[in-house]
Amino acid sequence: MSASPAPDDARPPRLPPRWFVRAAWVVHRAYYRVTGGRRGLWRPRPARWGTLLLRTVGRRSGREHDVIVGYLEDGPNLVTLAMNGWAAPEPAWWLNLQARPDTTVVLQGATQSVHARAAQGAERDRLWARWRTLDEKLDGYAARRPTETAVVVLEPRAGAPTTSQR
């Protein structure tokens, strides 16, 4: 007698090929640049995450890098996941932030100075649960990675001004 197939929810969720994930983010960043920053970033809504432009400084090169990441708001803080398109390695932007946690983000034309840190313990659990409400497959995606996905909190830096780019 043959074993019955596993239920659909027991299989890890499908992901597009890695080249497609990378191409999508390259196109998104190019779209943002071509429109002069007027398109490509959006604020989160009750059942949807937003996008922001994160500027980091390379831990080895010392050069500035821009990446667009999804985020949600938690009071004054911005929260993102260091998921690298659910691939195994840590995203370069997260490694850069670990080396130099003070940076800036761009939110629909306004630049804000922030300090990055990984959420720990109960705070991480709470923020992960909030992300899970936006993506029911979150745990399945995260299970594809060999290490725990960092929940990155971007806290506004005290005394640092917010500037408008428009």
C-alpha atoms as a PDB file:
ATOM      1  CA  MET A   1       0.000   0.000   0.000  1.00  0.00           C
ATOM      2  CA  SER A   2       1.437   3.395  -0.939  1.00  0.00           C
ATOM      3  CA  ALA A   3       1.608   6.343   1.413  1.00  0.00           C
ATOM      4  CA  SER A   4      -0.824   9.142   0.810  1.00  0.00           C
ATOM      5  CA  PRO A   5       0.642  12.344  -0.576  1.00  0.00           C
ATOM      6  CA  ALA A   6       1.515  15.095   1.881  1.00  0.00           C
ATOM      7  CA  PRO A   7      -1.090  17.824   2.229  1.00  0.00           C
ATOM      8  CA  ASP A   8      -0.390  20.980   0.240  1.00  0.00           C
ATOM      9  CA  ASP A   9       0.363  23.017   3.361  1.00  0.00           C
ATOM     10  CA  ALA A  10       3.158  20.546   4.339  1.00  0.00           C
ATOM     11  CA  ARG A  11       5.208  21.454   1.245  1.00  0.00           C
ATOM     12  CA  PRO A  12       7.330  24.586   1.353  1.00  0.00           C
ATOM     13  CA  PRO A  13       5.802  27.442  -0.636  1.00  0.00           C
ATOM     14  CA  ARG A  14       7.086  27.832  -4.180  1.00  0.00           C
ATOM     15  CA  LEU A  15       9.441  30.644  -5.003  1.00  0.00           C
ATOM     16  CA  PRO A  16      10.233  32.097  -8.407  1.00  0.00           C
ATOM     17  CA  PRO A  17      13.731  31.322  -9.712  1.00  0.00           C
ATOM     18  CA  ARG A  18      16.514  33.303  -8.025  1.00  0.00           C
ATOM     19  CA  TRP A  19      17.360  35.154 -11.274  1.00  0.00           C
ATOM     20  CA  PHE A  20      13.760  36.394 -11.449  1.00  0.00           C
ATOM     21  CA  VAL A  21      13.771  37.661  -7.847  1.00  0.00           C
ATOM     22  CA  ARG A  22      17.029  39.535  -8.423  1.00  0.00           C
ATOM     23  CA  ALA A  23      15.822  40.948 -11.756  1.00  0.00           C
ATOM     24  CA  ALA A  24      12.570  42.157 -10.170  1.00  0.00           C
ATOM     25  CA  TRP A  25      14.478  44.171  -7.551  1.00  0.00           C
ATOM     26  CA  VAL A  26      16.882  45.586 -10.157  1.00  0.00           C
ATOM     27  CA  VAL A  27      13.924  46.698 -12.294  1.00  0.00           C
ATOM     28  CA  HIS A  28      12.161  48.161  -9.237  1.00  0.00           C
ATOM     29  CA  ARG A  29      15.249  50.196  -8.276  1.00  0.00           C
ATOM     30  CA  ALA A  30      15.686  51.350 -11.906  1.00  0.00           C
ATOM     31  CA  TYR A  31      12.021  52.394 -12.055  1.00  0.00           C
ATOM     32  CA  TYR A  32      12.547  54.438  -8.888  1.00  0.00           C
ATOM     33  CA  ARG A  33      15.614  56.147 -10.408  1.00  0.00           C
ATOM     34  CA  VAL A  34      14.058  56.784 -13.841  1.00  0.00           C
ATOM     35  CA  THR A  35      11.057  58.488 -12.243  1.00  0.00           C
ATOM     36  CA  GLY A  36      13.334  60.680 -10.158  1.00  0.00           C
ATOM     37  CA  GLY A  37      12.100  59.042  -6.958  1.00  0.00           C
ATOM     38  CA  ARG A  38       8.462  59.960  -7.647  1.00  0.00           C
ATOM     39  CA  ARG A  39       7.416  56.300  -8.122  1.00  0.00           C
ATOM     40  CA  GLY A  40       8.472  52.976  -6.647  1.00  0.00           C
ATOM     41  CA  LEU A  41       8.132  53.680  -2.938  1.00  0.00           C
ATOM     42  CA  TRP A  42       4.870  53.451  -1.016  1.00  0.00           C
ATOM     43  CA  ARG A  43       3.649  53.613   2.562  1.00  0.00           C
ATOM     44  CA  PRO A  44       2.272  50.508   4.227  1.00  0.00           C
ATOM     45  CA  ARG A  45      -1.505  50.101   4.483  1.00  0.00           C
ATOM     46  CA  PRO A  46      -3.452  48.049   7.049  1.00  0.00           C
ATOM     47  CA  ALA A  47      -3.091  44.754   5.132  1.00  0.00           C
ATOM     48  CA  ARG A  48      -0.032  45.615   3.009  1.00  0.00           C
ATOM     49  CA  TRP A  49       3.620  46.382   3.618  1.00  0.00           C
ATOM     50  CA  GLY A  50       5.316  49.442   2.158  1.00  0.00           C
ATOM     51  CA  THR A  51       8.666  49.985   0.447  1.00  0.00           C
ATOM     52  CA  LEU A  52      11.564  52.240   1.354  1.00  0.00           C
ATOM     53  CA  LEU A  53      14.974  52.999  -0.069  1.00  0.00           C
ATOM     54  CA  LEU A  54      17.696  51.968   2.366  1.00  0.00           C
ATOM     55  CA  ARG A  55      21.152  53.507   2.016  1.00  0.00           C
ATOM     56  CA  THR A  56      24.057  51.568   3.449  1.00  0.00           C
ATOM     57  CA  VAL A  57      27.826  51.956   3.327  1.00  0.00           C
ATOM     58  CA  GLY A  58      29.732  48.879   2.173  1.00  0.00           C
ATOM     59  CA  ARG A  59      31.537  47.178   5.034  1.00  0.00           C
ATOM     60  CA  ARG A  60      34.525  46.453   2.792  1.00  0.00           C
ATOM     61  CA  SER A  61      34.279  48.960  -0.061  1.00  0.00           C
ATOM     62  CA  GLY A  62      33.190  52.010   1.921  1.00  0.00           C
ATOM     63  CA  ARG A  63      30.896  52.910  -1.011  1.00  0.00           C
ATOM     64  CA  GLU A  64      27.260  53.890  -0.605  1.00  0.00           C
ATOM     65  CA  HIS A  65      24.666  51.341  -1.755  1.00  0.00           C
ATOM     66  CA  ASP A  66      20.906  51.724  -2.232  1.00  0.00           C
ATOM     67  CA  VAL A  67      18.412  48.897  -1.904  1.00  0.00           C
ATOM     68  CA  ILE A  68      14.618  48.912  -1.864  1.00  0.00           C
ATOM     69  CA  VAL A  69      13.106  46.772   0.893  1.00  0.00           C
ATOM     70  CA  GLY A  70       9.641  46.049   2.176  1.00  0.00           C
ATOM     71  CA  TYR A  71       8.770  47.423   5.603  1.00  0.00           C
ATOM     72  CA  LEU A  72       6.033  47.978   8.115  1.00  0.00           C
ATOM     73  CA  GLU A  73       5.677  50.672  10.753  1.00  0.00           C
ATOM     74  CA  ASP A  74       5.898  49.967  14.468  1.00  0.00           C
ATOM     75  CA  GLY A  75       5.292  53.282  16.169  1.00  0.00           C
ATOM     76  CA  PRO A  76       8.165  55.557  15.071  1.00  0.00           C
ATOM     77  CA  ASN A  77      10.253  52.555  13.984  1.00  0.00           C
ATOM     78  CA  LEU A  78      10.417  50.963  10.551  1.00  0.00           C
ATOM     79  CA  VAL A  79      10.694  47.163  10.471  1.00  0.00           C
ATOM     80  CA  THR A  80      12.035  44.998   7.637  1.00  0.00           C
ATOM     81  CA  LEU A  81      13.174  41.397   7.224  1.00  0.00           C
ATOM     82  CA  ALA A  82      16.745  40.470   6.236  1.00  0.00           C
ATOM     83  CA  MET A  83      15.516  37.758   3.879  1.00  0.00           C
ATOM     84  CA  ASN A  84      17.539  38.145   0.643  1.00  0.00           C
ATOM     85  CA  GLY A  85      14.629  36.909  -1.467  1.00  0.00           C
ATOM     86  CA  TRP A  86      14.546  33.864   0.827  1.00  0.00           C
ATOM     87  CA  ALA A  87      17.951  32.707  -0.419  1.00  0.00           C
ATOM     88  CA  ALA A  88      20.443  31.199   2.042  1.00  0.00           C
ATOM     89  CA  PRO A  89      23.038  33.980   2.395  1.00  0.00           C
ATOM     90  CA  GLU A  90      22.387  37.067   4.471  1.00  0.00           C
ATOM     91  CA  PRO A  91      21.604  40.101   2.302  1.00  0.00           C
ATOM     92  CA  ALA A  92      24.612  42.379   1.771  1.00  0.00           C
ATOM     93  CA  TRP A  93      22.642  45.369   3.070  1.00  0.00           C
ATOM     94  CA  TRP A  94      22.129  43.597   6.422  1.00  0.00           C
ATOM     95  CA  LEU A  95      25.827  42.714   6.694  1.00  0.00           C
ATOM     96  CA  ASN A  96      26.624  46.375   5.912  1.00  0.00           C
ATOM     97  CA  LEU A  97      24.205  47.569   8.597  1.00  0.00           C
ATOM     98  CA  GLN A  98      25.738  45.252  11.171  1.00  0.00           C
ATOM     99  CA  ALA A  99      29.098  46.909  10.479  1.00  0.00           C
ATOM    100  CA  ARG A 100      27.685  50.473  10.286  1.00  0.00           C
ATOM    101  CA  PRO A 101      24.200  50.647  11.852  1.00  0.00           C
ATOM    102  CA  ASP A 102      23.705  54.413  11.457  1.00  0.00           C
ATOM    103  CA  THR A 103      22.274  55.158   8.018  1.00  0.00           C
ATOM    104  CA  THR A 104      19.412  56.816   6.150  1.00  0.00           C
ATOM    105  CA  VAL A 105      16.165  55.705   4.545  1.00  0.00           C
ATOM    106  CA  VAL A 106      14.043  57.436   1.919  1.00  0.00           C
ATOM    107  CA  LEU A 107      10.259  57.299   2.333  1.00  0.00           C
ATOM    108  CA  GLN A 108       8.346  58.858  -0.555  1.00  0.00           C
ATOM    109  CA  GLY A 109      10.730  61.766  -0.985  1.00  0.00           C
ATOM    110  CA  ALA A 110      11.720  62.340   2.649  1.00  0.00           C
ATOM    111  CA  THR A 111      15.113  61.216   3.944  1.00  0.00           C
ATOM    112  CA  GLN A 112      15.278  60.061   7.549  1.00  0.00           C
ATOM    113  CA  SER A 113      18.336  59.174   9.645  1.00  0.00           C
ATOM    114  CA  VAL A 114      17.987  55.823  11.400  1.00  0.00           C
ATOM    115  CA  HIS A 115      19.881  53.350  13.551  1.00  0.00           C
ATOM    116  CA  ALA A 116      19.535  49.673  12.616  1.00  0.00           C
ATOM    117  CA  ARG A 117      19.406  46.754  15.034  1.00  0.00           C
ATOM    118  CA  ALA A 118      18.102  43.200  15.096  1.00  0.00           C
ATOM    119  CA  ALA A 119      14.963  42.643  17.165  1.00  0.00           C
ATOM    120  CA  GLN A 120      15.441  40.055  19.907  1.00  0.00           C
ATOM    121  CA  GLY A 121      13.235  37.890  22.096  1.00  0.00           C
ATOM    122  CA  ALA A 122       9.638  38.954  22.655  1.00  0.00           C
ATOM    123  CA  GLU A 123      10.025  42.003  20.395  1.00  0.00           C
ATOM    124  CA  ARG A 124      11.167  39.780  17.511  1.00  0.00           C
ATOM    125  CA  ASP A 125       8.286  37.362  18.122  1.00  0.00           C
ATOM    126  CA  ARG A 126       5.763  40.240  18.134  1.00  0.00           C
ATOM    127  CA  LEU A 127       7.150  41.816  14.957  1.00  0.00           C
ATOM    128  CA  TRP A 128       7.391  38.440  13.181  1.00  0.00           C
ATOM    129  CA  ALA A 129       3.718  37.831  14.048  1.00  0.00           C
ATOM    130  CA  ARG A 130       2.830  41.213  12.499  1.00  0.00           C
ATOM    131  CA  TRP A 131       4.661  40.246   9.297  1.00  0.00           C
ATOM    132  CA  ARG A 132       2.866  36.900   9.349  1.00  0.00           C
ATOM    133  CA  THR A 133      -0.494  38.720   9.205  1.00  0.00           C
ATOM    134  CA  LEU A 134       0.661  40.230   5.889  1.00  0.00           C
ATOM    135  CA  ASP A 135       2.003  36.956   4.445  1.00  0.00           C
ATOM    136  CA  GLU A 136       0.511  33.657   5.552  1.00  0.00           C
ATOM    137  CA  LYS A 137       3.412  31.762   3.907  1.00  0.00           C
ATOM    138  CA  LEU A 138       6.089  33.643   5.880  1.00  0.00           C
ATOM    139  CA  ASP A 139       7.073  30.698   8.087  1.00  0.00           C
ATOM    140  CA  GLY A 140       7.296  28.392   5.059  1.00  0.00           C
ATOM    141  CA  TYR A 141       9.549  30.830   3.220  1.00  0.00           C
ATOM    142  CA  ALA A 142      11.732  31.339   6.285  1.00  0.00           C
ATOM    143  CA  ALA A 143      12.076  27.560   6.723  1.00  0.00           C
ATOM    144  CA  ARG A 144      13.926  27.477   3.369  1.00  0.00           C
ATOM    145  CA  ARG A 145      16.805  29.435   4.913  1.00  0.00           C
ATOM    146  CA  PRO A 146      19.458  27.647   7.013  1.00  0.00           C
ATOM    147  CA  THR A 147      19.570  30.458   9.584  1.00  0.00           C
ATOM    148  CA  GLU A 148      16.939  32.514  11.350  1.00  0.00           C
ATOM    149  CA  THR A 149      15.780  35.514   9.343  1.00  0.00           C
ATOM    150  CA  ALA A 150      16.673  38.721  11.164  1.00  0.00           C
ATOM    151  CA  VAL A 151      13.871  41.160  11.935  1.00  0.00           C
ATOM    152  CA  VAL A 152      15.572  44.529  11.436  1.00  0.00           C
ATOM    153  CA  VAL A 153      14.340  47.552  13.362  1.00  0.00           C
ATOM    154  CA  LEU A 154      15.240  50.961  11.933  1.00  0.00           C
ATOM    155  CA  GLU A 155      14.909  53.471  14.770  1.00  0.00           C
ATOM    156  CA  PRO A 156      14.874  57.225  14.089  1.00  0.00           C
ATOM    157  CA  ARG A 157      18.100  58.788  15.336  1.00  0.00           C
ATOM    158  CA  ALA A 158      17.548  61.377  18.026  1.00  0.00           C
ATOM    159  CA  GLY A 159      18.291  64.907  16.873  1.00  0.00           C
ATOM    160  CA  ALA A 160      18.792  63.877  13.253  1.00  0.00           C
ATOM    161  CA  PRO A 161      16.702  65.968  10.841  1.00  0.00           C
ATOM    162  CA  THR A 162      14.247  64.603   8.288  1.00  0.00           C
ATOM    163  CA  THR A 163      14.731  66.242   4.907  1.00  0.00           C
ATOM    164  CA  SER A 164      12.445  66.487   1.918  1.00  0.00           C
ATOM    165  CA  GLN A 165      13.788  65.643  -1.535  1.00  0.00           C
ATOM    166  CA  ARG A 166      10.975  67.174  -3.555  1.00  0.00           C
END
